[in-house]
Amino acid sequence: NVELKEMSKDDKRNTLIVELKKTSNLNTKTLQAKKNDELATMAVAVIYLRDGGFRTEAQLNRMSDDDHRNTMIVEVNKATGVPVKTLQKKTNQEIAGIAEK
């Protein structure tokens, strides 16, 4: 995406915070306190749940980042049979990768 390439690192971060604010129950101050990799990890779970049709944006908006992760784990377990305990040890990115297989 050309527009994304032209954005500064701070603009990318702020855009991600705005988007995550729309899809979680976390406030802006809490999101701003997170590191970039934490924000990216949160985004993986939100995108998986929303784009996979597992939760609507309205449902996601009432959930915390922990709720997003736990819901993603449950949905991937249902779809793949990979044990929950195994998924809990993985990063959100690794879990999403398992779901794509």
PDB file of N, CA and C in Angstrom:
ATOM      1  N   ASN A   1       0.839  -1.174   0.000  1.00  0.00           N
ATOM      2  CA  ASN A   1       0.000   0.000   0.000  1.00  0.00           C
ATOM      3  C   ASN A   1       0.886   1.240   0.000  1.00  0.00           C
ATOM      4  N   VAL A   2       0.763   2.047  -1.014  1.00  0.00           N
ATOM      5  CA  VAL A   2       1.585   3.249  -1.179  1.00  0.00           C
ATOM      6  C   VAL A   2       1.368   4.208  -0.009  1.00  0.00           C
ATOM      7  N   GLU A   3       0.124   4.402   0.378  1.00  0.00           N
ATOM      8  CA  GLU A   3      -0.190   5.321   1.466  1.00  0.00           C
ATOM      9  C   GLU A   3       0.528   4.916   2.751  1.00  0.00           C
ATOM     10  N   LEU A   4       0.556   3.644   3.051  1.00  0.00           N
ATOM     11  CA  LEU A   4       1.224   3.132   4.249  1.00  0.00           C
ATOM     12  C   LEU A   4       2.729   3.359   4.166  1.00  0.00           C
ATOM     13  N   LYS A   5       3.304   3.148   2.992  1.00  0.00           N
ATOM     14  CA  LYS A   5       4.737   3.347   2.811  1.00  0.00           C
ATOM     15  C   LYS A   5       5.141   4.796   3.038  1.00  0.00           C
ATOM     16  N   GLU A   6       4.248   5.713   2.738  1.00  0.00           N
ATOM     17  CA  GLU A   6       4.557   7.138   2.860  1.00  0.00           C
ATOM     18  C   GLU A   6       4.361   7.675   4.274  1.00  0.00           C
ATOM     19  N   MET A   7       3.737   6.894   5.134  1.00  0.00           N
ATOM     20  CA  MET A   7       3.480   7.345   6.505  1.00  0.00           C
ATOM     21  C   MET A   7       4.729   7.223   7.371  1.00  0.00           C
ATOM     22  N   SER A   8       4.874   8.134   8.314  1.00  0.00           N
ATOM     23  CA  SER A   8       5.979   8.043   9.271  1.00  0.00           C
ATOM     24  C   SER A   8       5.687   6.912  10.255  1.00  0.00           C
ATOM     25  N   LYS A   9       6.696   6.500  10.970  1.00  0.00           N
ATOM     26  CA  LYS A   9       6.541   5.438  11.966  1.00  0.00           C
ATOM     27  C   LYS A   9       5.500   5.857  13.016  1.00  0.00           C
ATOM     28  N   ASP A  10       5.564   7.110  13.454  1.00  0.00           N
ATOM     29  CA  ASP A  10       4.602   7.607  14.441  1.00  0.00           C
ATOM     30  C   ASP A  10       3.183   7.624  13.891  1.00  0.00           C
ATOM     31  N   ASP A  11       3.029   8.008  12.619  1.00  0.00           N
ATOM     32  CA  ASP A  11       1.705   8.014  11.998  1.00  0.00           C
ATOM     33  C   ASP A  11       1.142   6.593  11.901  1.00  0.00           C
ATOM     34  N   LYS A  12       1.984   5.634  11.570  1.00  0.00           N
ATOM     35  CA  LYS A  12       1.551   4.236  11.506  1.00  0.00           C
ATOM     36  C   LYS A  12       1.091   3.765  12.882  1.00  0.00           C
ATOM     37  N   ARG A  13       1.878   4.088  13.897  1.00  0.00           N
ATOM     38  CA  ARG A  13       1.537   3.697  15.269  1.00  0.00           C
ATOM     39  C   ARG A  13       0.208   4.324  15.685  1.00  0.00           C
ATOM     40  N   ASN A  14       0.055   5.615  15.430  1.00  0.00           N
ATOM     41  CA  ASN A  14      -1.174   6.300  15.829  1.00  0.00           C
ATOM     42  C   ASN A  14      -2.393   5.773  15.088  1.00  0.00           C
ATOM     43  N   THR A  15      -2.219   5.441  13.818  1.00  0.00           N
ATOM     44  CA  THR A  15      -3.315   4.857  13.044  1.00  0.00           C
ATOM     45  C   THR A  15      -3.711   3.507  13.625  1.00  0.00           C
ATOM     46  N   LEU A  16      -2.728   2.706  13.991  1.00  0.00           N
ATOM     47  CA  LEU A  16      -3.009   1.403  14.592  1.00  0.00           C
ATOM     48  C   LEU A  16      -3.750   1.573  15.918  1.00  0.00           C
ATOM     49  N   ILE A  17      -3.334   2.535  16.714  1.00  0.00           N
ATOM     50  CA  ILE A  17      -4.007   2.805  17.990  1.00  0.00           C
ATOM     51  C   ILE A  17      -5.465   3.198  17.757  1.00  0.00           C
ATOM     52  N   VAL A  18      -5.707   4.063  16.788  1.00  0.00           N
ATOM     53  CA  VAL A  18      -7.081   4.485  16.469  1.00  0.00           C
ATOM     54  C   VAL A  18      -7.922   3.279  16.060  1.00  0.00           C
ATOM     55  N   GLU A  19      -7.370   2.425  15.208  1.00  0.00           N
ATOM     56  CA  GLU A  19      -8.108   1.254  14.741  1.00  0.00           C
ATOM     57  C   GLU A  19      -8.355   0.259  15.871  1.00  0.00           C
ATOM     58  N   LEU A  20      -7.366   0.051  16.734  1.00  0.00           N
ATOM     59  CA  LEU A  20      -7.543  -0.869  17.859  1.00  0.00           C
ATOM     60  C   LEU A  20      -8.544  -0.318  18.872  1.00  0.00           C
ATOM     61  N   LYS A  21      -8.595   0.980  19.011  1.00  0.00           N
ATOM     62  CA  LYS A  21      -9.575   1.606  19.903  1.00  0.00           C
ATOM     63  C   LYS A  21     -10.993   1.283  19.439  1.00  0.00           C
ATOM     64  N   LYS A  22     -11.184   1.194  18.132  1.00  0.00           N
ATOM     65  CA  LYS A  22     -12.497   0.878  17.563  1.00  0.00           C
ATOM     66  C   LYS A  22     -12.894  -0.577  17.808  1.00  0.00           C
ATOM     67  N   THR A  23     -11.908  -1.430  18.038  1.00  0.00           N
ATOM     68  CA  THR A  23     -12.174  -2.871  18.118  1.00  0.00           C
ATOM     69  C   THR A  23     -11.725  -3.494  19.441  1.00  0.00           C
ATOM     70  N   SER A  24     -11.704  -2.686  20.493  1.00  0.00           N
ATOM     71  CA  SER A  24     -11.431  -3.227  21.826  1.00  0.00           C
ATOM     72  C   SER A  24     -12.061  -2.310  22.858  1.00  0.00           C
ATOM     73  N   ASN A  25     -12.079  -2.768  24.103  1.00  0.00           N
ATOM     74  CA  ASN A  25     -12.626  -1.933  25.164  1.00  0.00           C
ATOM     75  C   ASN A  25     -11.533  -1.127  25.866  1.00  0.00           C
ATOM     76  N   LEU A  26     -10.341  -1.104  25.275  1.00  0.00           N
ATOM     77  CA  LEU A  26      -9.224  -0.372  25.866  1.00  0.00           C
ATOM     78  C   LEU A  26      -9.292   1.098  25.484  1.00  0.00           C
ATOM     79  N   ASN A  27      -8.909   1.962  26.410  1.00  0.00           N
ATOM     80  CA  ASN A  27      -8.920   3.392  26.106  1.00  0.00           C
ATOM     81  C   ASN A  27      -7.621   3.795  25.411  1.00  0.00           C
ATOM     82  N   THR A  28      -7.630   4.974  24.863  1.00  0.00           N
ATOM     83  CA  THR A  28      -6.483   5.466  24.099  1.00  0.00           C
ATOM     84  C   THR A  28      -5.221   5.507  24.949  1.00  0.00           C
ATOM     85  N   LYS A  29      -5.329   5.953  26.179  1.00  0.00           N
ATOM     86  CA  LYS A  29      -4.164   6.048  27.063  1.00  0.00           C
ATOM     87  C   LYS A  29      -3.512   4.677  27.280  1.00  0.00           C
ATOM     88  N   THR A  30      -4.328   3.664  27.485  1.00  0.00           N
ATOM     89  CA  THR A  30      -3.811   2.298  27.665  1.00  0.00           C
ATOM     90  C   THR A  30      -3.123   1.813  26.399  1.00  0.00           C
ATOM     91  N   LEU A  31      -3.729   2.075  25.256  1.00  0.00           N
ATOM     92  CA  LEU A  31      -3.130   1.665  23.984  1.00  0.00           C
ATOM     93  C   LEU A  31      -1.818   2.404  23.727  1.00  0.00           C
ATOM     94  N   GLN A  32      -1.788   3.695  24.027  1.00  0.00           N
ATOM     95  CA  GLN A  32      -0.569   4.478  23.822  1.00  0.00           C
ATOM     96  C   GLN A  32       0.579   3.991  24.693  1.00  0.00           C
ATOM     97  N   ALA A  33       0.274   3.382  25.827  1.00  0.00           N
ATOM     98  CA  ALA A  33       1.313   2.889  26.739  1.00  0.00           C
ATOM     99  C   ALA A  33       1.930   1.571  26.253  1.00  0.00           C
ATOM    100  N   LYS A  34       1.300   0.933  25.285  1.00  0.00           N
ATOM    101  CA  LYS A  34       1.809  -0.351  24.789  1.00  0.00           C
ATOM    102  C   LYS A  34       2.937  -0.139  23.790  1.00  0.00           C
ATOM    103  N   LYS A  35       3.817  -1.131  23.736  1.00  0.00           N
ATOM    104  CA  LYS A  35       4.922  -1.121  22.776  1.00  0.00           C
ATOM    105  C   LYS A  35       4.367  -1.478  21.397  1.00  0.00           C
ATOM    106  N   ASN A  36       5.116  -1.126  20.364  1.00  0.00           N
ATOM    107  CA  ASN A  36       4.680  -1.401  18.992  1.00  0.00           C
ATOM    108  C   ASN A  36       4.395  -2.879  18.756  1.00  0.00           C
ATOM    109  N   ASP A  37       5.245  -3.763  19.278  1.00  0.00           N
ATOM    110  CA  ASP A  37       5.029  -5.191  19.054  1.00  0.00           C
ATOM    111  C   ASP A  37       3.770  -5.679  19.777  1.00  0.00           C
ATOM    112  N   GLU A  38       3.439  -5.068  20.907  1.00  0.00           N
ATOM    113  CA  GLU A  38       2.203  -5.429  21.604  1.00  0.00           C
ATOM    114  C   GLU A  38       0.986  -5.002  20.779  1.00  0.00           C
ATOM    115  N   LEU A  39       1.055  -3.818  20.196  1.00  0.00           N
ATOM    116  CA  LEU A  39      -0.038  -3.340  19.345  1.00  0.00           C
ATOM    117  C   LEU A  39      -0.211  -4.243  18.126  1.00  0.00           C
ATOM    118  N   ALA A  40       0.899  -4.633  17.526  1.00  0.00           N
ATOM    119  CA  ALA A  40       0.846  -5.512  16.352  1.00  0.00           C
ATOM    120  C   ALA A  40       0.242  -6.866  16.718  1.00  0.00           C
ATOM    121  N   THR A  41       0.606  -7.380  17.881  1.00  0.00           N
ATOM    122  CA  THR A  41       0.066  -8.660  18.344  1.00  0.00           C
ATOM    123  C   THR A  41      -1.437  -8.567  18.558  1.00  0.00           C
ATOM    124  N   MET A  42      -1.873  -7.451  19.130  1.00  0.00           N
ATOM    125  CA  MET A  42      -3.309  -7.241  19.316  1.00  0.00           C
ATOM    126  C   MET A  42      -4.022  -7.200  17.969  1.00  0.00           C
ATOM    127  N   ALA A  43      -3.421  -6.529  17.012  1.00  0.00           N
ATOM    128  CA  ALA A  43      -4.032  -6.395  15.686  1.00  0.00           C
ATOM    129  C   ALA A  43      -4.208  -7.748  15.014  1.00  0.00           C
ATOM    130  N   VAL A  44      -3.258  -8.655  15.196  1.00  0.00           N
ATOM    131  CA  VAL A  44      -3.363  -9.991  14.590  1.00  0.00           C
ATOM    132  C   VAL A  44      -4.635 -10.688  15.073  1.00  0.00           C
ATOM    133  N   ALA A  45      -4.879 -10.650  16.374  1.00  0.00           N
ATOM    134  CA  ALA A  45      -6.061 -11.313  16.927  1.00  0.00           C
ATOM    135  C   ALA A  45      -7.345 -10.668  16.416  1.00  0.00           C
ATOM    136  N   VAL A  46      -7.381  -9.343  16.406  1.00  0.00           N
ATOM    137  CA  VAL A  46      -8.576  -8.623  15.949  1.00  0.00           C
ATOM    138  C   VAL A  46      -8.869  -8.949  14.484  1.00  0.00           C
ATOM    139  N   ILE A  47      -7.854  -8.892  13.664  1.00  0.00           N
ATOM    140  CA  ILE A  47      -8.037  -9.166  12.235  1.00  0.00           C
ATOM    141  C   ILE A  47      -8.508 -10.598  12.018  1.00  0.00           C
ATOM    142  N   TYR A  48      -7.902 -11.542  12.729  1.00  0.00           N
ATOM    143  CA  TYR A  48      -8.302 -12.950  12.601  1.00  0.00           C
ATOM    144  C   TYR A  48      -9.776 -13.126  12.966  1.00  0.00           C
ATOM    145  N   LEU A  49     -10.177 -12.563  14.093  1.00  0.00           N
ATOM    146  CA  LEU A  49     -11.550 -12.733  14.565  1.00  0.00           C
ATOM    147  C   LEU A  49     -12.566 -12.005  13.686  1.00  0.00           C
ATOM    148  N   ARG A  50     -12.233 -10.795  13.268  1.00  0.00           N
ATOM    149  CA  ARG A  50     -13.157  -9.997  12.453  1.00  0.00           C
ATOM    150  C   ARG A  50     -13.245 -10.547  11.030  1.00  0.00           C
ATOM    151  N   ASP A  51     -12.095 -10.694  10.378  1.00  0.00           N
ATOM    152  CA  ASP A  51     -12.087 -11.117   8.981  1.00  0.00           C
ATOM    153  C   ASP A  51     -12.490 -12.579   8.807  1.00  0.00           C
ATOM    154  N   GLY A  52     -12.289 -13.373   9.866  1.00  0.00           N
ATOM    155  CA  GLY A  52     -12.708 -14.769   9.818  1.00  0.00           C
ATOM    156  C   GLY A  52     -14.189 -14.948  10.097  1.00  0.00           C
ATOM    157  N   GLY A  53     -14.868 -13.856  10.466  1.00  0.00           N
ATOM    158  CA  GLY A  53     -16.293 -13.918  10.730  1.00  0.00           C
ATOM    159  C   GLY A  53     -16.644 -14.486  12.094  1.00  0.00           C
ATOM    160  N   PHE A  54     -15.663 -14.573  12.988  1.00  0.00           N
ATOM    161  CA  PHE A  54     -15.911 -15.136  14.309  1.00  0.00           C
ATOM    162  C   PHE A  54     -16.559 -14.131  15.261  1.00  0.00           C
ATOM    163  N   ARG A  55     -16.266 -12.855  15.070  1.00  0.00           N
ATOM    164  CA  ARG A  55     -16.848 -11.793  15.891  1.00  0.00           C
ATOM    165  C   ARG A  55     -17.072 -10.559  15.023  1.00  0.00           C
ATOM    166  N   THR A  56     -18.125  -9.833  15.340  1.00  0.00           N
ATOM    167  CA  THR A  56     -18.389  -8.572  14.652  1.00  0.00           C
ATOM    168  C   THR A  56     -17.541  -7.480  15.301  1.00  0.00           C
ATOM    169  N   GLU A  57     -17.439  -6.356  14.622  1.00  0.00           N
ATOM    170  CA  GLU A  57     -16.699  -5.233  15.187  1.00  0.00           C
ATOM    171  C   GLU A  57     -17.340  -4.770  16.494  1.00  0.00           C
ATOM    172  N   ALA A  58     -18.661  -4.811  16.568  1.00  0.00           N
ATOM    173  CA  ALA A  58     -19.364  -4.422  17.797  1.00  0.00           C
ATOM    174  C   ALA A  58     -19.017  -5.371  18.941  1.00  0.00           C
ATOM    175  N   GLN A  59     -18.947  -6.665  18.655  1.00  0.00           N
ATOM    176  CA  GLN A  59     -18.567  -7.632  19.693  1.00  0.00           C
ATOM    177  C   GLN A  59     -17.122  -7.415  20.125  1.00  0.00           C
ATOM    178  N   LEU A  60     -16.242  -7.204  19.153  1.00  0.00           N
ATOM    179  CA  LEU A  60     -14.829  -6.982  19.468  1.00  0.00           C
ATOM    180  C   LEU A  60     -14.645  -5.750  20.336  1.00  0.00           C
ATOM    181  N   ASN A  61     -15.463  -4.741  20.104  1.00  0.00           N
ATOM    182  CA  ASN A  61     -15.360  -3.482  20.833  1.00  0.00           C
ATOM    183  C   ASN A  61     -15.642  -3.645  22.316  1.00  0.00           C
ATOM    184  N   ARG A  62     -16.339  -4.694  22.683  1.00  0.00           N
ATOM    185  CA  ARG A  62     -16.651  -4.942  24.090  1.00  0.00           C
ATOM    186  C   ARG A  62     -15.621  -5.860  24.753  1.00  0.00           C
ATOM    187  N   MET A  63     -14.592  -6.255  24.017  1.00  0.00           N
ATOM    188  CA  MET A  63     -13.615  -7.222  24.511  1.00  0.00           C
ATOM    189  C   MET A  63     -12.266  -6.565  24.790  1.00  0.00           C
ATOM    190  N   SER A  64     -11.541  -7.142  25.741  1.00  0.00           N
ATOM    191  CA  SER A  64     -10.163  -6.710  26.021  1.00  0.00           C
ATOM    192  C   SER A  64      -9.214  -7.437  25.080  1.00  0.00           C
ATOM    193  N   ASP A  65      -7.953  -7.050  25.103  1.00  0.00           N
ATOM    194  CA  ASP A  65      -6.968  -7.756  24.277  1.00  0.00           C
ATOM    195  C   ASP A  65      -6.810  -9.202  24.743  1.00  0.00           C
ATOM    196  N   ASP A  66      -6.925  -9.451  26.047  1.00  0.00           N
ATOM    197  CA  ASP A  66      -6.877 -10.838  26.545  1.00  0.00           C
ATOM    198  C   ASP A  66      -8.072 -11.639  26.031  1.00  0.00           C
ATOM    199  N   ASP A  67      -9.256 -11.004  26.012  1.00  0.00           N
ATOM    200  CA  ASP A  67     -10.447 -11.669  25.472  1.00  0.00           C
ATOM    201  C   ASP A  67     -10.252 -12.011  23.993  1.00  0.00           C
ATOM    202  N   HIS A  68      -9.666 -11.081  23.236  1.00  0.00           N
ATOM    203  CA  HIS A  68      -9.396 -11.336  21.814  1.00  0.00           C
ATOM    204  C   HIS A  68      -8.504 -12.563  21.662  1.00  0.00           C
ATOM    205  N   ARG A  69      -7.421 -12.587  22.412  1.00  0.00           N
ATOM    206  CA  ARG A  69      -6.470 -13.703  22.316  1.00  0.00           C
ATOM    207  C   ARG A  69      -7.135 -15.025  22.692  1.00  0.00           C
ATOM    208  N   ASN A  70      -7.844 -15.031  23.811  1.00  0.00           N
ATOM    209  CA  ASN A  70      -8.475 -16.273  24.262  1.00  0.00           C
ATOM    210  C   ASN A  70      -9.530 -16.758  23.272  1.00  0.00           C
ATOM    211  N   THR A  71     -10.276 -15.840  22.696  1.00  0.00           N
ATOM    212  CA  THR A  71     -11.277 -16.209  21.699  1.00  0.00           C
ATOM    213  C   THR A  71     -10.604 -16.769  20.447  1.00  0.00           C
ATOM    214  N   MET A  72      -9.503 -16.159  20.036  1.00  0.00           N
ATOM    215  CA  MET A  72      -8.762 -16.666  18.883  1.00  0.00           C
ATOM    216  C   MET A  72      -8.277 -18.087  19.165  1.00  0.00           C
ATOM    217  N   ILE A  73      -7.767 -18.327  20.361  1.00  0.00           N
ATOM    218  CA  ILE A  73      -7.288 -19.664  20.728  1.00  0.00           C
ATOM    219  C   ILE A  73      -8.420 -20.683  20.641  1.00  0.00           C
ATOM    220  N   VAL A  74      -9.583 -20.343  21.180  1.00  0.00           N
ATOM    221  CA  VAL A  74     -10.730 -21.254  21.141  1.00  0.00           C
ATOM    222  C   VAL A  74     -11.148 -21.545  19.699  1.00  0.00           C
ATOM    223  N   GLU A  75     -11.223 -20.510  18.872  1.00  0.00           N
ATOM    224  CA  GLU A  75     -11.654 -20.702  17.481  1.00  0.00           C
ATOM    225  C   GLU A  75     -10.637 -21.530  16.687  1.00  0.00           C
ATOM    226  N   VAL A  76      -9.356 -21.293  16.911  1.00  0.00           N
ATOM    227  CA  VAL A  76      -8.336 -22.076  16.194  1.00  0.00           C
ATOM    228  C   VAL A  76      -8.345 -23.524  16.688  1.00  0.00           C
ATOM    229  N   ASN A  77      -8.562 -23.722  17.966  1.00  0.00           N
ATOM    230  CA  ASN A  77      -8.681 -25.082  18.507  1.00  0.00           C
ATOM    231  C   ASN A  77      -9.840 -25.818  17.833  1.00  0.00           C
ATOM    232  N   LYS A  78     -10.989 -25.155  17.724  1.00  0.00           N
ATOM    233  CA  LYS A  78     -12.158 -25.779  17.075  1.00  0.00           C
ATOM    234  C   LYS A  78     -11.864 -26.137  15.619  1.00  0.00           C
ATOM    235  N   ALA A  79     -11.178 -25.241  14.929  1.00  0.00           N
ATOM    236  CA  ALA A  79     -10.929 -25.422  13.494  1.00  0.00           C
ATOM    237  C   ALA A  79      -9.831 -26.441  13.200  1.00  0.00           C
ATOM    238  N   THR A  80      -8.848 -26.548  14.097  1.00  0.00           N
ATOM    239  CA  THR A  80      -7.673 -27.368  13.786  1.00  0.00           C
ATOM    240  C   THR A  80      -7.493 -28.574  14.692  1.00  0.00           C
ATOM    241  N   GLY A  81      -8.092 -28.535  15.863  1.00  0.00           N
ATOM    242  CA  GLY A  81      -7.892 -29.614  16.819  1.00  0.00           C
ATOM    243  C   GLY A  81      -6.600 -29.492  17.617  1.00  0.00           C
ATOM    244  N   VAL A  82      -5.816 -28.446  17.347  1.00  0.00           N
ATOM    245  CA  VAL A  82      -4.596 -28.223  18.133  1.00  0.00           C
ATOM    246  C   VAL A  82      -5.028 -27.917  19.560  1.00  0.00           C
ATOM    247  N   PRO A  83      -4.449 -28.622  20.548  1.00  0.00           N
ATOM    248  CA  PRO A  83      -4.868 -28.431  21.939  1.00  0.00           C
ATOM    249  C   PRO A  83      -4.722 -26.981  22.420  1.00  0.00           C
ATOM    250  N   VAL A  84      -5.667 -26.549  23.234  1.00  0.00           N
ATOM    251  CA  VAL A  84      -5.651 -25.194  23.787  1.00  0.00           C
ATOM    252  C   VAL A  84      -4.343 -24.927  24.517  1.00  0.00           C
ATOM    253  N   LYS A  85      -3.876 -25.877  25.302  1.00  0.00           N
ATOM    254  CA  LYS A  85      -2.626 -25.678  26.054  1.00  0.00           C
ATOM    255  C   LYS A  85      -1.442 -25.416  25.124  1.00  0.00           C
ATOM    256  N   THR A  86      -1.428 -26.054  23.979  1.00  0.00           N
ATOM    257  CA  THR A  86      -0.376 -25.826  22.986  1.00  0.00           C
ATOM    258  C   THR A  86      -0.499 -24.425  22.405  1.00  0.00           C
ATOM    259  N   LEU A  87      -1.716 -24.033  22.070  1.00  0.00           N
ATOM    260  CA  LEU A  87      -1.947 -22.711  21.486  1.00  0.00           C
ATOM    261  C   LEU A  87      -1.623 -21.597  22.476  1.00  0.00           C
ATOM    262  N   GLN A  88      -1.893 -21.817  23.750  1.00  0.00           N
ATOM    263  CA  GLN A  88      -1.626 -20.798  24.769  1.00  0.00           C
ATOM    264  C   GLN A  88      -0.143 -20.461  24.878  1.00  0.00           C
ATOM    265  N   LYS A  89       0.707 -21.365  24.473  1.00  0.00           N
ATOM    266  CA  LYS A  89       2.157 -21.144  24.533  1.00  0.00           C
ATOM    267  C   LYS A  89       2.680 -20.387  23.315  1.00  0.00           C
ATOM    268  N   LYS A  90       1.831 -20.190  22.331  1.00  0.00           N
ATOM    269  CA  LYS A  90       2.229 -19.556  21.061  1.00  0.00           C
ATOM    270  C   LYS A  90       1.908 -18.063  21.069  1.00  0.00           C
ATOM    271  N   THR A  91       2.586 -17.316  20.197  1.00  0.00           N
ATOM    272  CA  THR A  91       2.242 -15.916  19.979  1.00  0.00           C
ATOM    273  C   THR A  91       0.989 -15.856  19.110  1.00  0.00           C
ATOM    274  N   ASN A  92       0.343 -14.708  19.072  1.00  0.00           N
ATOM    275  CA  ASN A  92      -0.829 -14.548  18.202  1.00  0.00           C
ATOM    276  C   ASN A  92      -0.468 -14.799  16.749  1.00  0.00           C
ATOM    277  N   GLN A  93       0.728 -14.361  16.345  1.00  0.00           N
ATOM    278  CA  GLN A  93       1.167 -14.577  14.971  1.00  0.00           C
ATOM    279  C   GLN A  93       1.309 -16.067  14.680  1.00  0.00           C
ATOM    280  N   GLU A  94       1.868 -16.807  15.624  1.00  0.00           N
ATOM    281  CA  GLU A  94       2.026 -18.261  15.434  1.00  0.00           C
ATOM    282  C   GLU A  94       0.666 -18.944  15.383  1.00  0.00           C
ATOM    283  N   ILE A  95      -0.251 -18.503  16.234  1.00  0.00           N
ATOM    284  CA  ILE A  95      -1.600 -19.086  16.233  1.00  0.00           C
ATOM    285  C   ILE A  95      -2.291 -18.839  14.903  1.00  0.00           C
ATOM    286  N   ALA A  96      -2.194 -17.638  14.402  1.00  0.00           N
ATOM    287  CA  ALA A  96      -2.808 -17.322  13.102  1.00  0.00           C
ATOM    288  C   ALA A  96      -2.185 -18.181  11.999  1.00  0.00           C
ATOM    289  N   GLY A  97      -0.888 -18.420  12.085  1.00  0.00           N
ATOM    290  CA  GLY A  97      -0.212 -19.280  11.113  1.00  0.00           C
ATOM    291  C   GLY A  97      -0.718 -20.699  11.160  1.00  0.00           C
ATOM    292  N   ILE A  98      -0.987 -21.202  12.347  1.00  0.00           N
ATOM    293  CA  ILE A  98      -1.548 -22.554  12.501  1.00  0.00           C
ATOM    294  C   ILE A  98      -2.928 -22.605  11.865  1.00  0.00           C
ATOM    295  N   ALA A  99      -3.707 -21.556  12.058  1.00  0.00           N
ATOM    296  CA  ALA A  99      -5.064 -21.519  11.499  1.00  0.00           C
ATOM    297  C   ALA A  99      -5.070 -21.511   9.982  1.00  0.00           C
ATOM    298  N   GLU A 100      -4.027 -20.941   9.374  1.00  0.00           N
ATOM    299  CA  GLU A 100      -3.967 -20.858   7.905  1.00  0.00           C
ATOM    300  C   GLU A 100      -3.610 -22.177   7.251  1.00  0.00           C
ATOM    301  N   LYS A 101      -3.051 -23.098   8.001  1.00  0.00           N
ATOM    302  CA  LYS A 101      -2.620 -24.380   7.404  1.00  0.00           C
ATOM    303  C   LYS A 101      -3.765 -25.266   7.054  1.00  0.00           C
TER     304      LYS A 101
END
